[in-house]
Amino acid sequence: MIIYPSILGLSLIGIYILARGYFRETKLIPEIELKLRLKANQSLRSKTWENLIFPTFLKLRNNFLPALLKSSEYVVNLARSFVLKLEVRLKHTADTIHGKAINLDISQRSEYWENLNGNKNGDKEKAEK
């Protein structure tokens, strides 16, 4: 039970000694030199970016992105084939609606198509028969 408070107390004493020596040293350095030293040091953010984030980003981009693109190729091909099949079905439906799917130039036409063809050409006499 006494171990944790004693560790805490020794730690605080060590921090005080180190900080006191550091601040005493900074008081002895001229102000201009101190400003130059502070400007020369990089910020923690830039060091973290250079040493941790950017290398991780490069590794992910070089290794993970090609694998992702290769695996997504299968999905893209499935979607492409689905769209092509849908386009064929829509074209067939449009042709059926417009009457282009049935060849009207054959000799075995029904009476309905004869009348319809007469109305399209303006032959009302042929359509009335």
Protein backbone atom coordinates (compact mmCIF):
# COMPACT_ATOMS: atom_id res chain seq x y z
CA MET A 1 0.00 0.00 0.00
CA ILE A 2 2.92 2.29 0.67
CA ILE A 3 4.60 1.38 -2.60
CA TYR A 4 2.41 3.45 -4.95
CA PRO A 5 2.56 6.71 -2.93
CA SER A 6 6.33 6.33 -2.58
CA ILE A 7 6.71 5.85 -6.37
CA LEU A 8 4.54 8.91 -6.95
CA GLY A 9 6.57 10.98 -4.49
CA LEU A 10 9.93 9.96 -5.99
CA SER A 11 8.63 10.68 -9.47
CA LEU A 12 7.49 14.16 -8.48
CA ILE A 13 10.88 14.84 -6.85
CA GLY A 14 12.68 13.71 -10.03
CA ILE A 15 10.46 15.84 -12.22
CA TYR A 16 11.12 18.86 -10.02
CA ILE A 17 14.90 18.34 -10.16
CA LEU A 18 14.94 17.91 -13.94
CA ALA A 19 12.63 20.85 -14.61
CA ARG A 20 14.54 23.10 -12.22
CA GLY A 21 17.82 22.31 -13.97
CA TYR A 22 16.30 22.83 -17.40
CA PHE A 23 14.75 26.16 -16.50
CA ARG A 24 17.98 27.31 -14.86
CA GLU A 25 19.84 26.45 -18.07
CA THR A 26 17.36 28.33 -20.23
CA LYS A 27 17.73 31.41 -18.05
CA LEU A 28 21.48 31.39 -18.68
CA ILE A 29 21.09 31.24 -22.49
CA PRO A 30 20.69 34.60 -24.21
CA GLU A 31 17.22 35.35 -25.51
CA ILE A 32 18.26 35.56 -29.17
CA GLU A 33 19.97 32.17 -29.08
CA LEU A 34 16.97 30.65 -27.31
CA LYS A 35 14.62 31.93 -30.03
CA LEU A 36 16.90 30.52 -32.74
CA ARG A 37 16.95 27.12 -31.04
CA LEU A 38 13.17 27.07 -30.74
CA LYS A 39 12.76 28.00 -34.41
CA ALA A 40 15.23 25.29 -35.47
CA ASN A 41 13.22 22.55 -33.76
CA GLN A 42 10.39 21.03 -35.77
CA SER A 43 6.95 20.79 -34.33
CA LEU A 44 5.62 17.51 -33.04
CA ARG A 45 2.94 17.56 -35.73
CA SER A 46 5.45 17.74 -38.59
CA LYS A 47 7.64 15.02 -37.05
CA THR A 48 4.62 12.78 -36.61
CA TRP A 49 3.59 13.41 -40.21
CA GLU A 50 7.09 12.64 -41.55
CA ASN A 51 7.81 9.58 -39.43
CA LEU A 52 4.41 7.93 -38.93
CA ILE A 53 1.51 9.12 -41.04
CA PHE A 54 3.16 9.63 -44.44
CA PRO A 55 5.03 6.27 -44.51
CA THR A 56 1.84 4.48 -43.43
CA PHE A 57 -0.09 6.26 -46.17
CA LEU A 58 2.49 5.29 -48.79
CA LYS A 59 2.49 1.67 -47.66
CA LEU A 60 -1.30 1.49 -47.81
CA ARG A 61 -1.42 3.18 -51.20
CA ASN A 62 1.25 0.93 -52.70
CA ASN A 63 -0.03 -2.36 -51.25
CA PHE A 64 -3.75 -2.04 -50.55
CA LEU A 65 -4.96 0.03 -53.51
CA PRO A 66 -3.88 -2.42 -56.27
CA ALA A 67 -5.49 -5.31 -54.38
CA LEU A 68 -8.68 -3.28 -53.98
CA LEU A 69 -8.78 -2.38 -57.66
CA LYS A 70 -8.16 -5.98 -58.69
CA SER A 71 -10.93 -7.27 -56.46
CA SER A 72 -13.34 -4.57 -57.61
CA GLU A 73 -12.79 -5.57 -61.24
CA TYR A 74 -15.08 -8.57 -60.71
CA VAL A 75 -17.87 -6.35 -59.39
CA VAL A 76 -17.45 -3.91 -62.28
CA ASN A 77 -17.69 -6.74 -64.82
CA LEU A 78 -20.87 -8.04 -63.17
CA ALA A 79 -22.43 -4.58 -63.25
CA ARG A 80 -21.40 -4.10 -66.88
CA SER A 81 -22.94 -7.40 -67.97
CA PHE A 82 -26.13 -6.60 -66.03
CA VAL A 83 -26.42 -3.23 -67.77
CA LEU A 84 -25.86 -4.81 -71.18
CA LYS A 85 -28.58 -7.41 -70.55
CA LEU A 86 -30.93 -4.69 -69.34
CA GLU A 87 -30.19 -2.62 -72.44
CA VAL A 88 -31.04 -5.57 -74.71
CA ARG A 89 -34.32 -6.14 -72.86
CA LEU A 90 -35.23 -2.45 -73.07
CA LYS A 91 -34.40 -2.37 -76.79
CA HIS A 92 -36.59 -5.44 -77.38
CA THR A 93 -39.43 -3.86 -75.38
CA ALA A 94 -39.15 -0.59 -77.31
CA ASP A 95 -39.14 -2.46 -80.62
CA THR A 96 -42.19 -4.44 -79.56
CA ILE A 97 -44.04 -1.29 -78.55
CA HIS A 98 -43.22 0.45 -81.83
CA GLY A 99 -44.03 -2.65 -83.91
CA LYS A 100 -40.53 -3.03 -85.32
CA ALA A 101 -40.05 -6.50 -83.92
CA ILE A 102 -42.65 -7.94 -86.31
CA ASN A 103 -41.77 -8.06 -89.96
CA LEU A 104 -44.72 -6.55 -91.84
CA ASP A 105 -43.32 -7.32 -95.29
CA ILE A 106 -44.14 -11.02 -95.21
CA SER A 107 -46.87 -12.57 -97.31
CA GLN A 108 -48.73 -14.21 -94.38
CA ARG A 109 -49.97 -11.03 -92.72
CA SER A 110 -53.08 -11.05 -90.62
CA GLU A 111 -56.08 -8.87 -91.38
CA TYR A 112 -55.29 -6.69 -88.36
CA TRP A 113 -51.84 -5.80 -89.69
CA GLU A 114 -53.25 -5.15 -93.13
CA ASN A 115 -55.73 -2.64 -91.67
CA LEU A 116 -53.06 -1.09 -89.50
CA ASN A 117 -50.68 -0.76 -92.41
CA GLY A 118 -53.42 0.86 -94.49
CA ASN A 119 -54.09 3.45 -91.79
CA LYS A 120 -50.41 4.31 -91.60
CA ASN A 121 -50.17 4.89 -95.33
CA GLY A 122 -53.39 6.92 -95.46
CA ASP A 123 -55.40 4.32 -97.37
CA LYS A 124 -58.68 4.49 -95.52
CA GLU A 125 -60.45 2.52 -98.21
CA LYS A 126 -58.12 -0.41 -97.67
CA ALA A 127 -58.64 -0.16 -93.93
CA GLU A 128 -62.42 -0.21 -94.22
CA LYS A 129 -62.46 -3.54 -96.10
